[in-house]
Structures are given as C-alpha cells and as structure tokens.
Amino acid sequence: MELTMSHWIYGLFTLLIILTMIFRKGVVLPTLLGTFLVAWMFNGSLISGFVGVFNANLVAAKELFNIFLIITFMVALLRSLKDLGADTRMIQPIQKVMINSHVSFFILVGVTYVVSLFFWPTPAVPLICALLVPAAIRTGLPAMVAAMAVALAGQGMALSSDYIIQVAPELSAKSAGIDTGSVMDQALLLSLVTGFVAIGLAYLFNRKSFRTKDDPQNQQEIVQMQGLKETEETTSSRVHVWSKVFAVLVPLSMLAVMIYMVSTKLGSGRMGGFEGGNGADFIGGVAVVLLLLSSVAFGKQKALDDVSEHITEGFVFAFKAMGPVIPIAGFFFLGSGDFAKNILVLPAESTPPFLFDLVQSSQDYLPQSAFLTAFSILIIGIITGLDGSGFSGLPLTGALSASLANGTIDASTLAAIGQMGSIWTGGGTIIAWSSLIAIAGFCGVPVMELVRKNFFPVILGLVVSTIVALLLL
C-alpha cells in the first residue's frame, strides 16, 4: 500500500499528541489542527479541511453520546437521592465491610473484575460507581484511586482476557487462523500478570494519599463526585420515611438488574444480549425510572420542575467533565476506516484507515528474534488501541501474529500479547477518548489526570506480561 502525505501528517500528529500527553499538557489544540490538516491534504481542498474538522467532532459526539447520557441520568438520580438523604443511608451497610481505605481499594478491584468478566465493564461501571465507590470514598479512599481501581480491574484485567464472553480471543484467533482456546488460556494468564502488576503499582504509588474515615476531604469528594453543591438536610418526617425506602429500593433495583442479566446469559449462552452497551442502556433506563419515583417522593407536584433541574445538572456535569474528549476522539476516529468515510464524506472503498495503514506498512521492517517480535506486536497492539475501541485492532494483531510466528514463538502467544496491548489501551485504561471517560465522570475526577495516573502502571504491567510470555509460554 502507498502512504500519502496525509498518512505522514496523521502519524506525525499522533506522535505529537502522545508526547503532549506525556508532558501533561492539553491535547485538544493539536488534535483539532491535525484533523484539519489531514482532511485538507487528503482531499486537496481547503474547504474539505473545514468540513472534516467539523465532521470529526460530530461523529465523535454521536459515538460517545451514550456514555454522556448514562452519566447524566446516574448523576441526576444521585442528586434526587441526595434530596431525600437516601444516598448516605444506601451505603451504610457496605461501609461495615469497607473498614478502611486499603480494604476498600481491594474490594473495588475484586468486585469490578468479577462483574466485568460476565458483562464487560460498560454496564458494570454504573453499578459499581453508584453503590461501591461512594462507600469507598467515605472510608478515605481518594476518588482518583477509586477510579484507577475500577479502570484497571474492569477495563484492563477483565476485558483484556474476555474469558467468559470470548469475543476478543475469538477475533484474535480467527485472524491468526488458530484455535480460540489456545489464545483464551494464554490471554487469561497475561491479563492476570498485567493486572496484578498494574494494580499493585497503582496501590504502591498512591497509598500515601489514602485517608482516614474522619478526614473532612472525604465528604468533599463525595459532593464533587455527584456534581453537587452542599445543601441543608431535610428533616421532614415524610421525607425521612422515603429516604429509608429509596435506600433499600435503589440497591435492590440494581441487584435485580444484575440477576436478570445473569439469567439471560445463562439462558442464551455467552452472548445473552446484555453485554457491553446493551447492559448500560438497561441500567440507564432503570436509573431514569428511579429518578422519576424519587423526585415525586421528595416534592410531589414540585417533581415536575425537580426532574428537569436534575437532568440539566447531569448534562452540565457530564459535558463539563468530559467535553474535551470529543475533539480528541474525532482525530483518532479519523484513523479508522469505519469512521473516516463519514468524516471525509467519501465512499468507504475510497477512504483509507490512516492508523492501520501506517501500522501495516511497518510489517516488513519488524525484527525476527522472539524478543523483538513479541515487543513489536505489543507496540502495534498499543498503537491500534489508540482508536478508542480495543477490539478493532485485534484482526491486525492476529494476522501479524500468524505471519511472524516462528520456531521460537508461536502464533497464539503473539496473538495474546497483541490482544493485551490493544485492549489495555483502547479498552479504557490509558486513553481518554475511550469508555474511561465514563469512570472519570462517575467518580468526578479529570479524565486526563486519570490517564496519566494509569499510564506507567499499565505500561510496566504490559512489559512484565510480555516477558512472562517469552519465558513461560
């Protein structure tokens, strides 16, 4: 394939954006400029550059709006529960188990991992962030560290193996022309190694920031997490009764959602219809109904205004926290053929996937030794994950694994390594334009700061797991 000037511009700006992130600077400016120049150069028209940079943001907004929407509804629900005082009551039983911030950290990791294995992290995040994260913060766990625990355990360790649903290993195996089972088992081992290293380092790097239960900053982070302002508690006896009712009703509703999702899974096989986005949609709909009920319980006829106010607050919170991600996502969506055709307004067959073309063009220059081959596949997996999907790069890493396998390292090991790089990156641990924005939004922390906190533990975890693959597999 022939690389054009627009390919080189895209590659240059990708490197520039990565360097800008490493130096902890804002990346919105280079992403917008890069999108404009790539669209201009590819079509050879200045007008196309203006159209392209607008379309990139529009396409990104459409793709990410479901995440913004579920953040909105969950924040609105939490706001209405705050009116009743049910938010505090709801997490009191959980606090008996979460005795301190250190225990809370590992409970978050364990619960997130198990739930995410069965349903993917997308529907798991609202459940965990609504029920467990507030309780963890009250024990003294910083909101940022709670967000790291959820991201690393769910979107990293659980999703990268995908051992239960098996979509990821199947994509890798089919592209490599090998048995799915061999990739699954190796991916499970590598995901656990990467996860233990990343989570362990996250704990060690941040343990000095853990607080006691009595620290006043705990309540401040709870308020910030829910996008709230401090309000005076209502002492009405009627509200007091409804506070108790919703403190039970909301957790039971979320538990019922989980039980239903499990039942559909057991009855329909490994893809029961409520994994990924479908599960998140279901939870979002339940949150809307609970919002309506709690608003009516608090204000009766005043609920007509309260619901609108809470949803508006939810949208403001979601866009204020996550809005800068849209132009960043637009640039990297331009690197994927699936989205580039809509951004450049061209037929699919005429639109190159810039990012994948750049990776494939480097195939002939990849080294032949097992060590260098393994790390080359890992780097390619990380690069393909930059589109924010995690799964879209698996056909490429799988195909490359088959072509680069030799007597010293087999295709299944290489495919598992590539799967680690792609999903730990694009699945939502070290790039902001992925579903990581949902975790940051629910926890009330800056998404770019969460990326920076995750970056070194994840990269070191991937390096260690690749070495383990070379030594043991």
Foldseek 3Di string as FASTA:
>chain_A
DDDDPLLVLLVVLVVVLVVCLLVPHDNLVSLLVNQLVSQCRVVVHNVSSVLLSVLLLVLLCVVCVLLLLLLLLLLLLVVLLVQLVLLVVLAPVVLVQVVALVSLLVVLLVVLQVLCLQFANLLVLSLCLSHRLLSNLLQQHALLSSLQSNCLNGLALRVLLSLQLQPQLVLLCVLLVHDSVLLNVLLNVLSVLLSCQLNVVLCVVCVVNGDGNPDPVSVVLVCLLSLHDDDDHDDDPLSNVVSVVVSPVVNVVVVVLSVVSVVQCVVPDSCSPCHDPNVSVVVSVVSLVSSLVSLCSSPNVCSVVSSVVSSVSSSCLSCVQQVSLSSQLSSLLCLALVRVCSSSVHDSVSRHNSQVVVLVVCLVVQDQDPLSLLVNLLVNLLSLLSNQALRVCSSVQSNSLNVNADPQHHSSLSSSLSSSNNSSRNSAQQDQSYSSSSSCSNSSHRSSVSNNSSPPSSVVSSVVSSVVSSVPD
